[in-house]
Protein backbone atom coordinates (compact mmCIF):
# COMPACT_ATOMS: atom_id res chain seq x y z
CA MET A 1 23.18 -34.97 36.37
CA GLN A 2 21.11 -34.68 33.22
CA TYR A 3 17.53 -35.95 33.10
CA SER A 4 18.59 -38.93 30.96
CA GLU A 5 21.22 -39.88 33.52
CA HIS A 6 18.60 -40.00 36.27
CA ILE A 7 16.55 -42.39 34.08
CA ILE A 8 19.62 -44.60 33.64
CA LEU A 9 20.23 -44.48 37.40
CA LEU A 10 16.61 -45.50 38.03
CA GLY A 11 16.82 -48.43 35.63
CA LEU A 12 20.07 -49.73 37.10
CA ALA A 13 18.68 -49.41 40.64
CA ILE A 14 15.61 -51.45 39.68
CA ALA A 15 17.82 -54.19 38.18
CA ALA A 16 20.21 -54.27 41.16
CA ASN A 17 17.45 -54.49 43.75
CA TRP A 18 15.36 -57.01 41.80
CA PHE A 19 18.48 -59.19 41.77
CA SER A 20 18.96 -58.69 45.51
CA ALA A 21 15.33 -59.30 46.47
CA LEU A 22 15.31 -62.57 44.55
CA ALA A 23 18.49 -63.96 46.11
CA GLY A 24 18.25 -62.43 49.59
CA GLY A 25 21.11 -59.96 49.18
CA GLY A 26 23.72 -58.67 46.76
CA ALA A 27 22.37 -55.27 45.70
CA GLY A 28 25.82 -53.82 46.41
CA LEU A 29 27.28 -56.06 43.69
CA ILE A 30 25.66 -53.86 41.04
CA GLN A 31 24.58 -50.63 42.70
CA LEU A 32 27.72 -49.70 44.66
CA PRO A 33 30.17 -50.19 41.73
CA MET A 34 27.62 -48.40 39.51
CA LEU A 35 27.73 -45.30 41.71
CA ILE A 36 31.54 -45.38 41.72
CA PHE A 37 31.61 -45.81 37.92
CA MET A 38 29.31 -42.79 37.54
CA GLY A 39 31.83 -40.61 39.38
CA LEU A 40 31.33 -40.89 43.15
CA PRO A 41 34.35 -41.65 45.38
CA PHE A 42 34.01 -44.80 47.50
CA PRO A 43 32.99 -43.19 50.85
CA LEU A 44 30.36 -41.01 49.14
CA ALA A 45 29.08 -43.92 47.05
CA LEU A 46 28.86 -46.19 50.12
CA ALA A 47 26.85 -43.67 52.16
CA THR A 48 24.53 -42.92 49.21
CA HIS A 49 24.00 -46.63 48.52
CA LYS A 50 23.19 -47.42 52.16
CA ILE A 51 20.46 -44.79 52.29
CA ALA A 52 18.97 -45.93 48.99
CA THR A 53 18.77 -49.59 50.01
CA VAL A 54 16.22 -48.81 52.72
CA ALA A 55 13.61 -48.67 49.95
CA LEU A 56 14.52 -52.25 48.99
CA GLY A 57 13.10 -53.36 52.31
CA VAL A 58 9.99 -51.23 51.82
CA GLY A 59 9.23 -52.74 48.43
CA ALA A 60 9.95 -56.31 49.51
CA THR A 61 7.96 -55.96 52.75
CA GLY A 62 4.89 -54.79 50.88
CA ARG A 63 4.90 -57.93 48.75
CA HIS A 64 5.75 -60.45 51.47
CA LEU A 65 3.13 -59.09 53.88
CA ARG A 66 0.47 -60.10 51.36
CA GLU A 67 1.61 -63.72 51.66
CA GLY A 68 1.25 -63.80 55.47
CA HIS A 69 4.28 -66.06 56.00
CA LEU A 70 6.45 -63.66 58.01
CA ARG A 71 7.14 -64.57 61.66
CA LEU A 72 7.34 -61.63 64.04
CA TRP A 73 9.63 -63.37 66.55
CA LEU A 74 12.20 -64.10 63.84
CA LEU A 75 12.02 -60.60 62.38
CA ALA A 76 12.50 -59.17 65.88
CA LEU A 77 15.49 -61.46 66.52
CA ILE A 78 17.21 -60.50 63.25
CA ALA A 79 16.56 -56.78 63.68
CA GLY A 80 17.29 -56.59 67.41
CA SER A 81 20.50 -58.63 67.18
CA GLY A 82 21.88 -57.03 64.06
CA ILE A 83 21.16 -53.30 64.42
CA PRO A 84 23.78 -52.65 67.17
CA GLY A 85 26.36 -54.36 64.95
CA VAL A 86 25.29 -52.29 61.93
CA VAL A 87 25.78 -49.01 63.81
CA ALA A 88 29.17 -50.14 65.17
CA GLY A 89 30.29 -51.33 61.74
CA ALA A 90 29.25 -48.09 60.03
CA LEU A 91 31.36 -46.11 62.52
CA PHE A 92 34.26 -48.57 62.41
CA VAL A 93 34.57 -48.58 58.59
CA LEU A 94 35.54 -44.91 58.64
CA ASN A 95 38.89 -45.86 60.22
CA ILE A 96 39.99 -49.06 58.46
CA ASP A 97 41.57 -50.13 55.18
CA ASP A 98 38.44 -51.00 53.20
CA ARG A 99 40.42 -52.98 50.58
CA MET A 100 41.75 -55.44 53.16
CA ALA A 101 38.26 -55.82 54.63
CA GLU A 102 36.78 -56.43 51.19
CA GLN A 103 39.29 -59.20 50.43
CA ALA A 104 38.61 -60.95 53.72
CA LEU A 105 34.87 -60.71 53.10
CA GLY A 106 35.34 -62.01 49.55
CA ILE A 107 37.08 -65.16 50.79
CA LEU A 108 34.32 -65.78 53.32
CA MET A 109 31.64 -65.17 50.69
CA LEU A 110 33.30 -67.66 48.34
CA MET A 111 33.17 -70.25 51.10
CA LEU A 112 29.44 -69.59 51.53
CA SER A 113 28.80 -70.19 47.86
CA LEU A 114 30.78 -73.44 47.80
CA TYR A 115 29.13 -74.66 51.02
CA SER A 116 25.68 -74.24 49.50
CA VAL A 117 26.75 -75.90 46.23
CA PHE A 118 28.11 -78.98 48.01
CA LYS A 119 25.00 -79.28 50.21
CA PRO A 120 22.37 -80.10 47.57
CA SER A 121 19.50 -80.52 50.05
CA LEU A 122 20.31 -77.37 52.07
CA GLY A 123 17.32 -75.03 52.15
CA VAL A 124 15.30 -76.95 49.58
CA VAL A 125 13.14 -78.59 52.23
CA ALA A 126 12.45 -76.96 55.61
CA ASN A 127 13.99 -78.69 58.64
CA GLU A 128 13.34 -76.12 61.35
CA ARG A 129 15.38 -76.27 64.56
CA ASN A 130 17.09 -74.20 67.27
CA HIS A 131 13.93 -72.37 68.28
CA ASN A 132 14.77 -72.78 71.98
CA LEU A 133 16.44 -70.11 74.12
CA GLN A 134 19.98 -71.40 73.61
CA GLY A 135 19.47 -71.64 69.86
CA MET A 136 18.13 -68.10 69.68
CA ILE A 137 21.02 -66.69 71.75
CA ILE A 138 23.63 -68.33 69.51
CA GLY A 139 21.68 -67.31 66.42
CA GLY A 140 21.45 -63.73 67.69
CA LEU A 141 25.19 -63.48 68.40
CA VAL A 142 26.03 -64.54 64.87
CA LEU A 143 23.48 -62.06 63.52
CA LEU A 144 25.22 -59.36 65.59
CA LEU A 145 28.50 -60.19 63.84
CA ILE A 146 26.84 -60.18 60.42
CA GLY A 147 25.27 -56.84 61.30
CA PHE A 148 28.74 -55.44 61.94
CA ILE A 149 29.78 -56.61 58.46
CA ASN A 150 26.65 -54.99 57.03
CA GLY A 151 27.52 -51.67 58.63
CA ALA A 152 31.13 -51.77 57.51
CA LEU A 153 30.62 -53.02 53.94
CA SER A 154 27.53 -53.03 51.73
CA ALA A 155 28.54 -55.95 49.55
CA GLY A 156 26.41 -59.01 50.17
CA SER A 157 25.92 -59.06 53.94
CA GLY A 158 22.26 -59.96 53.41
CA LEU A 159 23.48 -63.16 51.77
CA PHE A 160 25.12 -64.12 55.07
CA VAL A 161 21.82 -63.67 56.89
CA THR A 162 19.95 -65.76 54.33
CA LEU A 163 22.35 -68.68 54.61
CA TRP A 164 22.49 -68.42 58.42
CA LEU A 165 18.68 -68.65 58.61
CA VAL A 166 18.80 -71.71 56.36
CA TYR A 167 21.68 -73.38 58.20
CA TRP A 168 20.96 -72.56 61.85
CA PHE A 169 17.16 -72.30 61.97
CA GLY A 170 16.52 -74.81 59.18
CA LEU A 171 14.38 -72.51 57.05
CA GLU A 172 13.78 -73.17 53.38
CA TYR A 173 15.43 -70.66 51.05
CA LYS A 174 12.19 -68.93 50.07
CA LEU A 175 11.25 -68.18 53.69
CA ALA A 176 14.82 -67.22 54.63
CA VAL A 177 14.97 -64.72 51.76
CA ALA A 178 11.65 -63.17 52.84
CA HIS A 179 12.81 -62.58 56.43
CA THR A 180 16.19 -61.27 55.29
CA LEU A 181 14.63 -58.71 52.97
CA VAL A 182 12.22 -57.39 55.59
CA ALA A 183 14.44 -57.37 58.70
CA VAL A 184 17.70 -56.43 56.97
CA GLY A 185 16.11 -54.22 54.33
CA LEU A 186 14.15 -52.13 56.80
CA GLY A 187 15.84 -52.56 60.20
CA TRP A 188 19.53 -52.95 59.35
CA ASN A 189 19.63 -50.72 56.29
CA GLY A 190 17.51 -48.11 58.05
CA SER A 191 19.88 -47.89 61.03
CA GLY A 192 22.90 -47.93 58.72
CA ALA A 193 21.39 -45.13 56.63
CA VAL A 194 20.77 -42.96 59.69
CA THR A 195 24.31 -43.54 60.95
CA MET A 196 25.94 -42.88 57.57
CA GLY A 197 23.75 -39.83 56.99
CA ALA A 198 24.93 -38.39 60.29
CA VAL A 199 28.66 -39.01 59.92
CA ALA A 200 29.33 -39.08 56.16
CA ASP A 201 28.59 -37.07 53.03
CA VAL A 202 25.71 -38.22 50.82
CA GLN A 203 24.96 -37.44 47.17
CA TRP A 204 21.40 -36.33 47.98
CA SER A 205 20.56 -35.29 44.41
CA TRP A 206 20.84 -38.96 43.35
CA ILE A 207 18.74 -40.33 46.20
CA PRO A 208 15.21 -39.90 44.67
CA ALA A 209 16.00 -42.06 41.62
CA LEU A 210 17.80 -44.64 43.76
CA LEU A 211 14.98 -44.82 46.32
CA LEU A 212 12.34 -45.29 43.63
CA GLY A 213 14.43 -47.91 41.85
CA SER A 214 15.10 -49.77 45.09
CA ALA A 215 11.40 -49.86 46.02
CA ILE A 216 10.30 -51.06 42.57
CA GLY A 217 13.12 -53.60 42.30
CA GLY A 218 12.46 -54.88 45.82
CA TYR A 219 8.77 -55.45 45.11
CA LEU A 220 9.39 -57.14 41.75
CA GLY A 221 12.18 -59.32 43.13
CA ALA A 222 10.06 -60.41 46.11
CA ASN A 223 7.22 -61.24 43.75
CA THR A 224 9.54 -63.38 41.60
CA SER A 225 10.98 -65.07 44.69
CA ILE A 226 7.52 -66.02 45.96
CA LYS A 227 6.62 -67.63 42.64
CA ALA A 228 9.94 -69.46 42.22
CA GLY A 229 10.74 -72.80 43.84
CA ASN A 230 13.35 -73.32 46.54
CA ALA A 231 15.69 -75.15 44.17
CA THR A 232 15.65 -72.19 41.78
CA ILE A 233 16.26 -69.67 44.57
CA LYS A 234 19.09 -71.84 45.91
CA ARG A 235 20.85 -71.80 42.53
CA ILE A 236 20.36 -68.05 42.15
CA TYR A 237 21.70 -67.55 45.68
CA GLU A 238 24.82 -69.56 44.85
CA VAL A 239 25.45 -67.61 41.64
CA VAL A 240 24.94 -64.23 43.33
CA THR A 241 27.18 -65.20 46.26
CA LEU A 242 29.91 -66.35 43.89
CA LEU A 243 29.70 -63.12 41.87
CA VAL A 244 29.85 -60.97 45.01
CA ALA A 245 32.90 -62.94 46.20
CA LEU A 246 34.71 -62.52 42.90
CA LYS A 247 33.90 -58.82 42.79
CA LEU A 248 35.24 -58.29 46.32
CA LEU A 249 38.43 -60.22 45.58
CA TRP A 250 38.96 -58.51 42.20
CA GLY A 251 38.69 -55.04 43.67
CA PRO A 252 37.31 -51.71 42.43
CA LEU A 253 36.36 -51.16 38.82
């Protein structure tokens, strides 16, 4: 790549990860198709994207730690439940028809968007629940399943985590987004990156620009999310989820 192309790659990575950090997921909506459009085949683009998204969690974590609203028990539950699923999904995706999986995920993502739209009060005001052992076990099992989706496909799995935290644990959107970015961005994406790096080819020459863009975009998006109200984040979440669903159903560029 030419120097100017690395600058373009950096700018697009910042935009994609700002978008993701604000809504609690969806970086793959922009970044993964972008890598394919710039000439990488799908498996190479997917592995490269997964490694780059680790920096999203780094940037977002740095900003959210300053607010002091992260809960260690919830971060541990998300990371501990999801990481085994991420590793399994990353290995499983190498042997399946990714187009069929994308279509199924697109339908499910569309349902998430519509569910949030038709539940106006969902996530706007905190109504915390299911903090007992049974609630955590059920919550963890669903996070394990979402982790599998994260490992297999990089399109919007963080959005599932965000909505699950809102629905099952009764978190407000702002707090749900914060925990998704930290636990998924660092724990899930980190384990997925290690797995993909070990079993798949990676376009390493593109990684520096993508890592820098992910870190900057993650920090800026987290900062915007903290300053925005829950109603605003809810609307952005619904738009991002709808766009991800349509992209998955439409297919490759």
